[in-house]
C-alpha atoms as a PDB file:
ATOM      1  CA  MET A   1       0.039  -0.003   0.010  1.00  0.00           C
ATOM      2  CA  GLN A   2       1.625   3.206  -1.081  1.00  0.00           C
ATOM      3  CA  GLN A   3       1.551   6.437   0.926  1.00  0.00           C
ATOM      4  CA  ASN A   4      -0.990   9.008  -0.355  1.00  0.00           C
ATOM      5  CA  PHE A   5      -1.764  12.151   1.619  1.00  0.00           C
ATOM      6  CA  GLN A   6      -5.129  12.727   0.146  1.00  0.00           C
ATOM      7  CA  GLU A   7      -8.091  12.641   2.544  1.00  0.00           C
ATOM      8  CA  ARG A   8     -11.304  10.894   1.683  1.00  0.00           C
ATOM      9  CA  GLN A   9     -14.482  12.049   3.381  1.00  0.00           C
ATOM     10  CA  VAL A  10     -17.015   9.719   4.916  1.00  0.00           C
ATOM     11  CA  ASN A  11     -20.485  10.716   3.734  1.00  0.00           C
ATOM     12  CA  SER A  12     -22.476  12.147   6.601  1.00  0.00           C
ATOM     13  CA  ASP A  13     -25.306   9.626   6.085  1.00  0.00           C
ATOM     14  CA  ALA A  14     -23.011   6.610   5.841  1.00  0.00           C
ATOM     15  CA  PHE A  15     -22.361   3.913   8.393  1.00  0.00           C
ATOM     16  CA  LEU A  16     -19.208   1.892   7.825  1.00  0.00           C
ATOM     17  CA  VAL A  17     -19.830  -1.472   9.331  1.00  0.00           C
ATOM     18  CA  SER A  18     -17.472  -4.397   9.949  1.00  0.00           C
ATOM     19  CA  LYS A  19     -17.492  -7.521  12.016  1.00  0.00           C
ATOM     20  CA  THR A  20     -14.397  -9.549  13.021  1.00  0.00           C
ATOM     21  CA  ASP A  21     -13.786 -12.871  14.708  1.00  0.00           C
ATOM     22  CA  THR A  22     -12.019 -13.014  18.010  1.00  0.00           C
ATOM     23  CA  LYS A  23      -8.659 -12.753  16.364  1.00  0.00           C
ATOM     24  CA  GLY A  24      -9.515  -9.418  14.561  1.00  0.00           C
ATOM     25  CA  ARG A  25     -10.008 -11.043  11.059  1.00  0.00           C
ATOM     26  CA  ILE A  26     -12.837  -9.423   9.102  1.00  0.00           C
ATOM     27  CA  ILE A  27     -15.799 -11.781   8.653  1.00  0.00           C
ATOM     28  CA  TYR A  28     -18.248  -9.107   7.301  1.00  0.00           C
ATOM     29  CA  CYS A  29     -18.133  -5.602   5.987  1.00  0.00           C
ATOM     30  CA  ASN A  30     -20.762  -3.414   4.311  1.00  0.00           C
ATOM     31  CA  ILE A  31     -20.517  -1.746   0.903  1.00  0.00           C
ATOM     32  CA  PRO A  32     -19.736   1.808   2.270  1.00  0.00           C
ATOM     33  CA  PHE A  33     -16.832   0.352   4.344  1.00  0.00           C
ATOM     34  CA  ALA A  34     -15.429  -1.598   1.345  1.00  0.00           C
ATOM     35  CA  GLN A  35     -15.894   1.412  -0.944  1.00  0.00           C
ATOM     36  CA  ILE A  36     -13.883   3.892   1.280  1.00  0.00           C
ATOM     37  CA  VAL A  37     -11.157   1.334   1.730  1.00  0.00           C
ATOM     38  CA  GLY A  38     -11.078   0.761  -1.967  1.00  0.00           C
ATOM     39  CA  ALA A  39     -11.705  -2.979  -1.748  1.00  0.00           C
ATOM     40  CA  LYS A  40     -13.270  -4.912  -4.502  1.00  0.00           C
ATOM     41  CA  GLY A  41     -15.648  -7.802  -3.885  1.00  0.00           C
ATOM     42  CA  ASN A  42     -14.600  -9.883  -0.833  1.00  0.00           C
ATOM     43  CA  GLU A  43     -11.018  -8.530  -0.683  1.00  0.00           C
ATOM     44  CA  LEU A  44     -11.395  -7.706   2.947  1.00  0.00           C
ATOM     45  CA  ILE A  45     -12.953 -10.980   4.213  1.00  0.00           C
ATOM     46  CA  GLY A  46     -10.442 -13.017   6.134  1.00  0.00           C
ATOM     47  CA  LYS A  47      -7.932 -10.254   6.355  1.00  0.00           C
ATOM     48  CA  PRO A  48      -6.831  -8.785   9.737  1.00  0.00           C
ATOM     49  CA  HIS A  49      -8.778  -5.586  10.481  1.00  0.00           C
ATOM     50  CA  ASN A  50      -5.474  -3.700  11.048  1.00  0.00           C
ATOM     51  CA  ILE A  51      -4.950  -3.767   7.337  1.00  0.00           C
ATOM     52  CA  VAL A  52      -6.588  -0.338   7.327  1.00  0.00           C
ATOM     53  CA  ARG A  53      -4.598   0.996  10.401  1.00  0.00           C
ATOM     54  CA  HIS A  54      -2.870   4.259   9.620  1.00  0.00           C
ATOM     55  CA  PRO A  55       0.623   4.830  11.038  1.00  0.00           C
ATOM     56  CA  ASP A  56      -0.505   8.226  12.481  1.00  0.00           C
ATOM     57  CA  MET A  57      -2.724   6.404  14.993  1.00  0.00           C
ATOM     58  CA  PRO A  58      -1.153   6.146  18.470  1.00  0.00           C
ATOM     59  CA  ARG A  59      -1.131   2.616  19.783  1.00  0.00           C
ATOM     60  CA  ILE A  60      -2.624   3.708  23.137  1.00  0.00           C
ATOM     61  CA  VAL A  61      -5.993   4.292  21.449  1.00  0.00           C
ATOM     62  CA  PHE A  62      -6.091   0.639  20.235  1.00  0.00           C
ATOM     63  CA  LYS A  63      -4.892  -0.595  23.746  1.00  0.00           C
ATOM     64  CA  ILE A  64      -7.832   1.266  25.273  1.00  0.00           C
ATOM     65  CA  LEU A  65     -10.231  -0.069  22.575  1.00  0.00           C
ATOM     66  CA  TRP A  66      -9.190  -3.652  23.159  1.00  0.00           C
ATOM     67  CA  GLU A  67      -9.313  -3.329  27.004  1.00  0.00           C
ATOM     68  CA  TYR A  68     -12.909  -2.149  26.657  1.00  0.00           C
ATOM     69  CA  VAL A  69     -14.253  -4.691  24.158  1.00  0.00           C
ATOM     70  CA  LYS A  70     -12.435  -7.622  25.794  1.00  0.00           C
ATOM     71  CA  ASN A  71     -14.300  -6.673  28.979  1.00  0.00           C
ATOM     72  CA  LYS A  72     -17.630  -6.487  26.993  1.00  0.00           C
ATOM     73  CA  LYS A  73     -17.757  -2.711  27.291  1.00  0.00           C
ATOM     74  CA  GLU A  74     -18.773  -0.400  24.373  1.00  0.00           C
ATOM     75  CA  VAL A  75     -16.122   1.990  23.264  1.00  0.00           C
ATOM     76  CA  PHE A  76     -16.087   5.097  21.096  1.00  0.00           C
ATOM     77  CA  ALA A  77     -12.860   6.359  19.410  1.00  0.00           C
ATOM     78  CA  TYR A  78     -11.687   8.704  16.718  1.00  0.00           C
ATOM     79  CA  VAL A  79      -9.644   6.614  14.161  1.00  0.00           C
ATOM     80  CA  LYS A  80      -7.599   7.536  11.163  1.00  0.00           C
ATOM     81  CA  ASN A  81      -7.642   4.722   8.754  1.00  0.00           C
ATOM     82  CA  LYS A  82      -5.915   4.229   5.408  1.00  0.00           C
ATOM     83  CA  SER A  83      -7.449   2.990   2.089  1.00  0.00           C
ATOM     84  CA  PHE A  84      -5.781   0.567  -0.335  1.00  0.00           C
ATOM     85  CA  ASP A  85      -4.591   3.481  -2.461  1.00  0.00           C
ATOM     86  CA  GLY A  86      -2.845   4.976   0.499  1.00  0.00           C
ATOM     87  CA  SER A  87      -5.288   7.784   1.027  1.00  0.00           C
ATOM     88  CA  PHE A  88      -6.751   8.246   4.503  1.00  0.00           C
ATOM     89  CA  TYR A  89     -10.070   8.895   6.139  1.00  0.00           C
ATOM     90  CA  TRP A  90     -11.232   9.794   9.712  1.00  0.00           C
ATOM     91  CA  VAL A  91     -14.113   8.003  11.492  1.00  0.00           C
ATOM     92  CA  PHE A  92     -15.937   8.178  14.846  1.00  0.00           C
ATOM     93  CA  ALA A  93     -16.027   4.500  15.673  1.00  0.00           C
ATOM     94  CA  ASN A  94     -18.299   2.549  18.035  1.00  0.00           C
ATOM     95  CA  VAL A  95     -16.934  -0.937  18.818  1.00  0.00           C
ATOM     96  CA  THR A  96     -18.647  -3.652  20.803  1.00  0.00           C
ATOM     97  CA  ALA A  97     -18.136  -7.303  21.495  1.00  0.00           C
ATOM     98  CA  SER A  98     -20.492  -9.762  19.841  1.00  0.00           C
ATOM     99  CA  LEU A  99     -21.751 -12.316  22.343  1.00  0.00           C
ATOM    100  CA  ASP A 100     -23.222 -15.743  22.016  1.00  0.00           C
ATOM    101  CA  GLN A 101     -26.269 -16.892  23.967  1.00  0.00           C
ATOM    102  CA  ASN A 102     -24.015 -17.745  26.946  1.00  0.00           C
ATOM    103  CA  GLY A 103     -22.487 -14.340  27.005  1.00  0.00           C
ATOM    104  CA  GLU A 104     -19.120 -15.506  25.565  1.00  0.00           C
ATOM    105  CA  ILE A 105     -17.307 -13.170  23.081  1.00  0.00           C
ATOM    106  CA  ILE A 106     -17.504 -14.567  19.561  1.00  0.00           C
ATOM    107  CA  GLY A 107     -16.311 -11.543  17.681  1.00  0.00           C
ATOM    108  CA  TYR A 108     -16.424  -7.769  17.504  1.00  0.00           C
ATOM    109  CA  TYR A 109     -18.772  -5.258  15.754  1.00  0.00           C
ATOM    110  CA  SER A 110     -17.842  -1.832  14.666  1.00  0.00           C
ATOM    111  CA  VAL A 111     -20.028   0.913  13.263  1.00  0.00           C
ATOM    112  CA  ARG A 112     -18.182   4.050  12.114  1.00  0.00           C
ATOM    113  CA  ARG A 113     -19.572   7.302  10.934  1.00  0.00           C
ATOM    114  CA  LYS A 114     -18.248  10.787   9.851  1.00  0.00           C
ATOM    115  CA  PRO A 115     -16.518  12.529  12.817  1.00  0.00           C
ATOM    116  CA  ASN A 116     -17.515  15.937  13.868  1.00  0.00           C
ATOM    117  CA  PRO A 117     -14.910  18.191  12.084  1.00  0.00           C
ATOM    118  CA  LYS A 118     -14.645  20.337  15.244  1.00  0.00           C
ATOM    119  CA  ALA A 119     -13.614  17.254  17.203  1.00  0.00           C
ATOM    120  CA  LEU A 120     -10.837  16.551  14.758  1.00  0.00           C
ATOM    121  CA  ASP A 121      -9.385  20.020  15.571  1.00  0.00           C
ATOM    122  CA  VAL A 122      -8.779  18.569  19.013  1.00  0.00           C
ATOM    123  CA  ILE A 123      -8.072  14.955  18.143  1.00  0.00           C
ATOM    124  CA  ILE A 124      -5.423  15.553  15.468  1.00  0.00           C
ATOM    125  CA  PRO A 125      -3.049  17.568  17.648  1.00  0.00           C
ATOM    126  CA  LEU A 126      -3.821  15.215  20.619  1.00  0.00           C
ATOM    127  CA  TYR A 127      -2.934  12.082  18.565  1.00  0.00           C
ATOM    128  CA  LYS A 128       0.333  13.812  17.370  1.00  0.00           C
ATOM    129  CA  GLN A 129       1.332  14.431  20.966  1.00  0.00           C
ATOM    130  CA  LEU A 130       0.455  10.802  21.962  1.00  0.00           C
ATOM    131  CA  LEU A 131       2.389   9.473  18.964  1.00  0.00           C
ATOM    132  CA  GLU A 132       5.411  11.600  19.771  1.00  0.00           C
ATOM    133  CA  ALA A 133       5.350  10.353  23.398  1.00  0.00           C
ATOM    134  CA  GLU A 134       5.041   6.793  22.148  1.00  0.00           C
ATOM    135  CA  LYS A 135       8.063   7.246  19.808  1.00  0.00           C
ATOM    136  CA  ASN A 136      10.169   8.741  22.579  1.00  0.00           C
ATOM    137  CA  GLY A 137       9.077   6.612  25.627  1.00  0.00           C
ATOM    138  CA  GLY A 138       6.930   3.790  24.411  1.00  0.00           C
ATOM    139  CA  MET A 139       3.304   2.935  25.166  1.00  0.00           C
ATOM    140  CA  ASP A 140       3.830   3.884  28.945  1.00  0.00           C
ATOM    141  CA  ALA A 141       4.810   7.421  28.016  1.00  0.00           C
ATOM    142  CA  SER A 142       1.786   7.721  25.699  1.00  0.00           C
ATOM    143  CA  SER A 143      -0.482   6.313  28.403  1.00  0.00           C
ATOM    144  CA  LYS A 144       0.790   8.648  31.105  1.00  0.00           C
ATOM    145  CA  LEU A 145       0.451  11.629  28.766  1.00  0.00           C
ATOM    146  CA  LEU A 146      -3.126  10.721  27.969  1.00  0.00           C
ATOM    147  CA  ASP A 147      -3.926  10.238  31.659  1.00  0.00           C
ATOM    148  CA  SER A 148      -2.571  13.622  32.498  1.00  0.00           C
ATOM    149  CA  ILE A 149      -4.492  15.277  29.645  1.00  0.00           C
ATOM    150  CA  LEU A 150      -7.728  13.677  30.803  1.00  0.00           C
ATOM    151  CA  GLN A 151      -6.992  14.681  34.413  1.00  0.00           C
ATOM    152  CA  GLU A 152      -6.332  18.208  33.316  1.00  0.00           C
ATOM    153  CA  LYS A 153      -9.648  18.267  31.452  1.00  0.00           C
ATOM    154  CA  ASN A 154     -11.343  16.555  34.402  1.00  0.00           C
ATOM    155  CA  LYS A 155     -12.890  13.991  32.077  1.00  0.00           C
ATOM    156  CA  SER A 156     -12.825  10.284  31.531  1.00  0.00           C
ATOM    157  CA  TYR A 157     -11.758   8.853  28.147  1.00  0.00           C
ATOM    158  CA  ASP A 158     -15.406   8.152  27.396  1.00  0.00           C
ATOM    159  CA  GLU A 159     -16.560  11.638  28.297  1.00  0.00           C
ATOM    160  CA  LEU A 160     -13.864  13.222  26.092  1.00  0.00           C
ATOM    161  CA  MET A 161     -14.663  11.131  23.054  1.00  0.00           C
ATOM    162  CA  ASN A 162     -18.420  11.621  23.299  1.00  0.00           C
ATOM    163  CA  ASN A 163     -18.296  15.304  24.173  1.00  0.00           C
ATOM    164  CA  LEU A 164     -16.109  16.027  21.221  1.00  0.00           C
ATOM    165  CA  GLN A 165     -18.641  14.397  18.877  1.00  0.00           C
ATOM    166  CA  ARG A 166     -21.241  16.812  20.236  1.00  0.00           C
ATOM    167  CA  LEU A 167     -19.246  20.006  19.782  1.00  0.00           C
END
């Protein structure tokens, strides 16, 4: 996948949906998701979901995401993804665990939509800070920085993510 600095926009009425197995391999995706990624047919099925992970994303965001969903908690996050042509797009993602009738996790379900542009004015510089901390001091440094920012704002991670979408 080549690097392309062109941004794609998620349509405001679109929902990008994907389901994965417990290992993070895509088992379902809807047409809007496949289209923004630039996939044809079933090119995404069976692939690891991180095939669309953009290198500008701080790992701490995915650590939080996985901690939530593995504990059967719903999580919201702003995510920068990349398309097959190397372009990128931002989404406001809602991720939940899919459970069987016994309450056991059988996979994960994600619905993404267009993020509030005002939220990205906060998220983009925040993620740059987190990524820089991660490059210099690893995941611990990024985690500590995020914790201090949340403390300073007197908000939980959930509150920050959801309040930004409502700006």
